[in-house]
C-alpha atoms as a PDB file:
ATOM      1  CA  MET A   1       5.115 -17.548  13.067  1.00  0.00           C
ATOM      2  CA  GLU A   2       4.847 -17.696   9.483  1.00  0.00           C
ATOM      3  CA  GLY A   3       1.293 -16.247   9.977  1.00  0.00           C
ATOM      4  CA  SER A   4       2.057 -13.105  10.995  1.00  0.00           C
ATOM      5  CA  TYR A   5       4.080 -12.279   8.146  1.00  0.00           C
ATOM      6  CA  PHE A   6       1.050 -12.397   6.057  1.00  0.00           C
ATOM      7  CA  VAL A   7      -0.460  -9.777   8.547  1.00  0.00           C
ATOM      8  CA  GLY A   8       1.923  -7.319   8.459  1.00  0.00           C
ATOM      9  CA  TRP A   9       2.143  -7.440   4.549  1.00  0.00           C
ATOM     10  CA  GLY A  10      -1.810  -7.338   4.659  1.00  0.00           C
ATOM     11  CA  THR A  11      -1.793  -4.766   6.766  1.00  0.00           C
ATOM     12  CA  LEU A  12       0.547  -2.439   4.817  1.00  0.00           C
ATOM     13  CA  ALA A  13      -1.304  -2.991   1.675  1.00  0.00           C
ATOM     14  CA  LEU A  14      -4.249  -1.518   3.894  1.00  0.00           C
ATOM     15  CA  ILE A  15      -1.903   1.651   5.062  1.00  0.00           C
ATOM     16  CA  ASN A  16      -0.882   2.210   1.375  1.00  0.00           C
ATOM     17  CA  ALA A  17      -4.960   2.189   0.206  1.00  0.00           C
ATOM     18  CA  GLY A  18      -5.450   4.792   2.342  1.00  0.00           C
ATOM     19  CA  ILE A  19      -2.616   6.744   1.875  1.00  0.00           C
ATOM     20  CA  ALA A  20      -3.328   6.649  -2.496  1.00  0.00           C
ATOM     21  CA  GLN A  21      -6.668   7.730  -1.437  1.00  0.00           C
ATOM     22  CA  GLY A  22      -5.532  10.927   0.821  1.00  0.00           C
ATOM     23  CA  LYS A  23      -3.806  11.306  -2.286  1.00  0.00           C
ATOM     24  CA  ASN A  24      -6.818  11.107  -5.072  1.00  0.00           C
ATOM     25  CA  ARG A  25      -5.645   7.611  -6.365  1.00  0.00           C
ATOM     26  CA  SER A  26      -7.446   4.553  -6.648  1.00  0.00           C
ATOM     27  CA  GLY A  27      -7.255   2.586  -3.349  1.00  0.00           C
ATOM     28  CA  LEU A  28      -8.594  -0.931  -4.912  1.00  0.00           C
ATOM     29  CA  ASN A  29      -4.864  -0.727  -6.861  1.00  0.00           C
ATOM     30  CA  TRP A  30      -2.494   0.636  -4.485  1.00  0.00           C
ATOM     31  CA  PHE A  31      -3.975  -2.246  -2.085  1.00  0.00           C
ATOM     32  CA  LEU A  32      -3.552  -4.595  -5.060  1.00  0.00           C
ATOM     33  CA  LEU A  33      -0.197  -3.502  -6.330  1.00  0.00           C
ATOM     34  CA  SER A  34       0.611  -3.372  -2.890  1.00  0.00           C
ATOM     35  CA  LEU A  35       0.057  -6.494  -2.124  1.00  0.00           C
ATOM     36  CA  LEU A  36       2.851  -7.323  -5.146  1.00  0.00           C
ATOM     37  CA  LEU A  37       5.123  -4.938  -4.168  1.00  0.00           C
ATOM     38  CA  GLY A  38       4.732  -3.897  -0.718  1.00  0.00           C
ATOM     39  CA  PRO A  39       7.215  -1.934   0.992  1.00  0.00           C
ATOM     40  CA  PHE A  40       8.523  -0.614  -2.422  1.00  0.00           C
ATOM     41  CA  ALA A  41       5.165   0.673  -2.987  1.00  0.00           C
ATOM     42  CA  THR A  42       4.812   2.237  -0.036  1.00  0.00           C
ATOM     43  CA  PHE A  43       7.706   4.304  -1.023  1.00  0.00           C
ATOM     44  CA  CYS A  44       6.977   4.876  -4.687  1.00  0.00           C
ATOM     45  CA  LEU A  45       3.083   6.553  -3.084  1.00  0.00           C
ATOM     46  CA  VAL A  46       5.508   8.961  -0.351  1.00  0.00           C
ATOM     47  CA  ILE A  47       7.020  10.656  -3.031  1.00  0.00           C
ATOM     48  CA  ALA A  48       4.198  10.534  -5.409  1.00  0.00           C
ATOM     49  CA  ASP A  49       2.783  14.298  -5.689  1.00  0.00           C
ATOM     50  CA  LYS A  50      -0.888  14.734  -4.509  1.00  0.00           C
ATOM     51  CA  ARG A  51      -2.928  14.919  -8.104  1.00  0.00           C
END
């Protein structure tokens, strides 16, 4: 069960990278940030304006 937690967290980081690229931001930077912050990074991306 512990492994599924890491899979979900990694999937969220990939989704955040895609959202970031859609908003003309660095996907790699947001991927790495999402690995640390998880859902909080998703929230920041959702409320951020498109560049």
